[in-house]
Amino acid sequence: SMSRLDQKTVANRYARAIFELAQEDGHLDQTYQELVSVRQVFLDNPSLAPLLAGVDLGIKEKQALVDQVKEGASKYVANLLQMAFDYRRMSDMVAIVDEFERRYDEKHKRVHAEVVTAVQLDETRRNQLRDNLAARLGAQEIVLNEKVDPTILGGVVVKTANQTLDGSIKTKIEQIRRLIVK
């Protein structure tokens, strides 16, 4: 089987190609939305990629499956799916979309942040947090993935791809405790 580096290299090449094409033609947003849907199909049906890569189905049946996934897709996404199939890269589709999304986020200064709070955020606090993070991280848009964890007692812990901002009360108490115990 291919090493992970190979998958990353492959995903990078495919993602860059479709990203540049879609961007040139002004279809970046639409292509992004489509690719997210395609990724969901592969995530929801974990047996799909192995089936398309395996020996259980004949080429005609495989192509029929690919055509189903391609249904309603723009030419960019349809071509990408067909190429991935022809070059036996269906198992890399999720990685390809992930890589496309990384480029899309970069272009739009969009940051994905995992936010842990002791209690569910209300709309006001959520918007405040979004604005604060955007300012702090130099982002135009913050995409929040919220988790509730009562054990942090209060405050908020934010994780992005590049950093962790820990403003939880639990951590502050531990810091104070360390100072006292010294």
Protein backbone atom coordinates (compact mmCIF):
# COMPACT_ATOMS: atom_id res chain seq x y z
CA SER A 1 0.00 0.00 0.00
CA MET A 2 1.07 3.59 -0.58
CA SER A 3 2.72 5.50 2.24
CA ARG A 4 0.97 8.44 3.83
CA LEU A 5 3.43 10.87 2.28
CA ASP A 6 2.38 9.58 -1.12
CA GLN A 7 -1.26 10.20 -0.32
CA LYS A 8 -0.47 13.73 0.80
CA THR A 9 1.55 14.40 -2.35
CA VAL A 10 -1.21 12.97 -4.54
CA ALA A 11 -3.95 14.87 -2.68
CA ASN A 12 -1.91 18.04 -3.07
CA ARG A 13 -1.54 17.65 -6.84
CA TYR A 14 -5.19 16.87 -7.52
CA ALA A 15 -6.44 19.56 -5.14
CA ARG A 16 -4.14 22.21 -6.61
CA ALA A 17 -5.18 21.37 -10.17
CA ILE A 18 -8.92 21.60 -9.53
CA PHE A 19 -8.48 24.63 -7.25
CA GLU A 20 -6.62 26.59 -9.92
CA LEU A 21 -9.07 25.61 -12.67
CA ALA A 22 -12.13 26.51 -10.62
CA GLN A 23 -10.56 29.76 -9.48
CA GLU A 24 -9.66 30.84 -13.04
CA ASP A 25 -13.26 30.28 -14.14
CA GLY A 26 -14.77 31.94 -11.08
CA HIS A 27 -16.39 28.74 -9.80
CA LEU A 28 -14.40 28.33 -6.61
CA ASP A 29 -17.27 28.61 -4.12
CA GLN A 30 -19.55 26.26 -6.03
CA THR A 31 -16.75 23.73 -6.50
CA TYR A 32 -15.94 23.90 -2.79
CA GLN A 33 -19.59 23.24 -1.82
CA GLU A 34 -19.74 20.30 -4.24
CA LEU A 35 -16.50 18.79 -2.99
CA VAL A 36 -17.69 18.99 0.61
CA SER A 37 -20.81 17.01 -0.44
CA VAL A 38 -18.68 14.47 -2.30
CA ARG A 39 -16.43 14.06 0.75
CA GLN A 40 -19.55 13.43 2.86
CA VAL A 41 -20.62 10.66 0.48
CA PHE A 42 -17.27 8.91 1.01
CA LEU A 43 -17.36 9.48 4.79
CA ASP A 44 -20.95 8.22 5.08
CA ASN A 45 -20.20 5.15 2.92
CA PRO A 46 -16.83 3.81 4.10
CA SER A 47 -17.14 0.76 1.83
CA LEU A 48 -17.44 2.86 -1.34
CA ALA A 49 -13.73 3.57 -1.99
CA PRO A 50 -12.60 -0.03 -1.22
CA LEU A 51 -15.39 -1.31 -3.48
CA LEU A 52 -14.18 0.89 -6.35
CA ALA A 53 -10.59 -0.17 -5.72
CA GLY A 54 -11.27 -3.86 -5.10
CA VAL A 55 -11.87 -6.91 -7.30
CA ASP A 56 -15.46 -7.75 -6.28
CA LEU A 57 -17.04 -5.57 -8.96
CA GLY A 58 -16.47 -5.52 -12.70
CA ILE A 59 -15.40 -2.32 -14.48
CA LYS A 60 -18.95 -1.66 -15.75
CA GLU A 61 -20.46 -1.89 -12.26
CA LYS A 62 -17.69 0.30 -10.86
CA GLN A 63 -18.21 2.94 -13.55
CA ALA A 64 -21.96 2.89 -12.82
CA LEU A 65 -21.17 3.64 -9.16
CA VAL A 66 -18.80 6.44 -10.12
CA ASP A 67 -21.49 7.88 -12.41
CA GLN A 68 -23.88 7.93 -9.47
CA VAL A 69 -21.43 9.92 -7.37
CA LYS A 70 -20.85 12.25 -10.36
CA GLU A 71 -24.57 12.86 -10.84
CA GLY A 72 -25.42 16.57 -10.82
CA ALA A 73 -21.78 17.55 -10.38
CA SER A 74 -20.13 20.38 -12.31
CA LYS A 75 -17.58 19.44 -14.97
CA TYR A 76 -14.68 20.15 -12.59
CA VAL A 77 -15.90 17.81 -9.90
CA ALA A 78 -17.11 15.20 -12.39
CA ASN A 79 -13.70 15.24 -14.12
CA LEU A 80 -11.90 15.00 -10.79
CA LEU A 81 -13.98 11.98 -9.76
CA GLN A 82 -13.44 10.29 -13.11
CA MET A 83 -9.68 10.93 -13.00
CA ALA A 84 -9.43 9.69 -9.42
CA PHE A 85 -11.24 6.54 -10.51
CA ASP A 86 -9.21 6.02 -13.69
CA TYR A 87 -5.93 6.47 -11.80
CA ARG A 88 -7.11 4.29 -8.90
CA ARG A 89 -7.13 7.19 -6.44
CA MET A 90 -10.66 6.87 -5.08
CA SER A 91 -9.28 6.02 -1.65
CA ASP A 92 -7.60 9.46 -1.68
CA MET A 93 -10.80 11.44 -2.37
CA VAL A 94 -11.31 12.53 1.24
CA ALA A 95 -7.67 13.65 1.46
CA ILE A 96 -8.03 15.52 -1.85
CA VAL A 97 -11.06 17.44 -0.57
CA ASP A 98 -9.30 18.13 2.75
CA GLU A 99 -6.38 19.63 0.84
CA PHE A 100 -8.73 21.67 -1.38
CA GLU A 101 -10.46 22.96 1.75
CA ARG A 102 -7.11 23.98 3.26
CA ARG A 103 -6.40 26.11 0.19
CA TYR A 104 -9.92 27.52 0.20
CA ASP A 105 -9.64 28.47 3.88
CA GLU A 106 -6.26 30.10 3.30
CA LYS A 107 -7.59 32.18 0.44
CA HIS A 108 -10.60 33.33 2.50
CA LYS A 109 -8.60 33.77 5.72
CA ARG A 110 -10.94 31.22 7.24
CA VAL A 111 -9.88 29.51 10.45
CA HIS A 112 -11.46 26.35 11.86
CA ALA A 113 -11.48 26.46 15.64
CA GLU A 114 -12.49 23.79 18.12
CA VAL A 115 -14.02 25.51 21.13
CA VAL A 116 -14.49 23.80 24.48
CA THR A 117 -16.71 25.46 27.09
CA ALA A 118 -18.15 24.24 30.40
CA VAL A 119 -21.67 25.17 29.30
CA GLN A 120 -23.32 25.57 25.89
CA LEU A 121 -22.58 29.00 24.35
CA ASP A 122 -25.53 31.28 23.66
CA GLU A 123 -25.69 33.28 20.42
CA THR A 124 -24.26 36.47 21.99
CA ARG A 125 -21.26 34.72 23.58
CA ARG A 126 -20.71 32.74 20.38
CA ASN A 127 -20.56 35.93 18.27
CA GLN A 128 -18.30 37.64 20.81
CA LEU A 129 -15.93 34.68 20.78
CA ARG A 130 -15.95 34.62 16.98
CA ASP A 131 -15.11 38.34 16.77
CA ASN A 132 -12.35 38.06 19.41
CA LEU A 133 -10.77 35.08 17.68
CA ALA A 134 -10.99 36.71 14.24
CA ALA A 135 -9.18 39.78 15.59
CA ARG A 136 -6.63 37.72 17.47
CA LEU A 137 -5.89 35.33 14.61
CA GLY A 138 -6.17 37.85 11.75
CA ALA A 139 -8.99 35.83 10.20
CA GLN A 140 -11.95 37.03 8.17
CA GLU A 141 -14.10 34.09 9.18
CA ILE A 142 -14.04 31.68 12.10
CA VAL A 143 -15.72 28.31 11.70
CA LEU A 144 -16.54 27.04 15.19
CA ASN A 145 -16.75 23.39 16.16
CA GLU A 146 -18.24 23.52 19.66
CA LYS A 147 -17.82 20.98 22.44
CA VAL A 148 -19.17 21.12 25.97
CA ASP A 149 -16.94 19.76 28.77
CA PRO A 150 -18.10 20.54 32.32
CA THR A 151 -14.74 19.42 33.77
CA ILE A 152 -13.03 22.63 32.60
CA LEU A 153 -15.34 24.42 35.13
CA GLY A 154 -15.55 27.66 33.15
CA GLY A 155 -13.75 29.84 30.64
CA VAL A 156 -12.90 28.56 27.20
CA VAL A 157 -10.28 26.42 25.44
CA VAL A 158 -9.72 27.10 21.73
CA LYS A 159 -7.75 24.82 19.42
CA THR A 160 -6.86 25.73 15.85
CA ALA A 161 -4.56 23.86 13.47
CA ASN A 162 -1.67 26.02 14.66
CA GLN A 163 -2.27 26.78 18.32
CA THR A 164 -4.15 26.17 21.54
CA LEU A 165 -5.50 29.05 23.61
CA ASP A 166 -6.33 27.75 27.07
CA GLY A 167 -8.44 30.15 29.11
CA SER A 168 -10.16 27.49 31.22
CA ILE A 169 -10.71 28.02 34.92
CA LYS A 170 -9.35 24.53 35.62
CA THR A 171 -6.00 25.49 34.07
CA LYS A 172 -5.91 28.80 35.95
CA ILE A 173 -6.52 26.99 39.23
CA GLU A 174 -3.70 24.57 38.41
CA GLN A 175 -1.37 27.49 37.65
CA ILE A 176 -2.21 29.14 40.97
CA ARG A 177 -1.74 25.82 42.78
CA ARG A 178 1.73 25.43 41.21
CA LEU A 179 2.69 28.95 42.33
CA ILE A 180 1.54 28.28 45.89
CA VAL A 181 3.21 24.87 46.15
CA LYS A 182 6.60 26.14 44.87
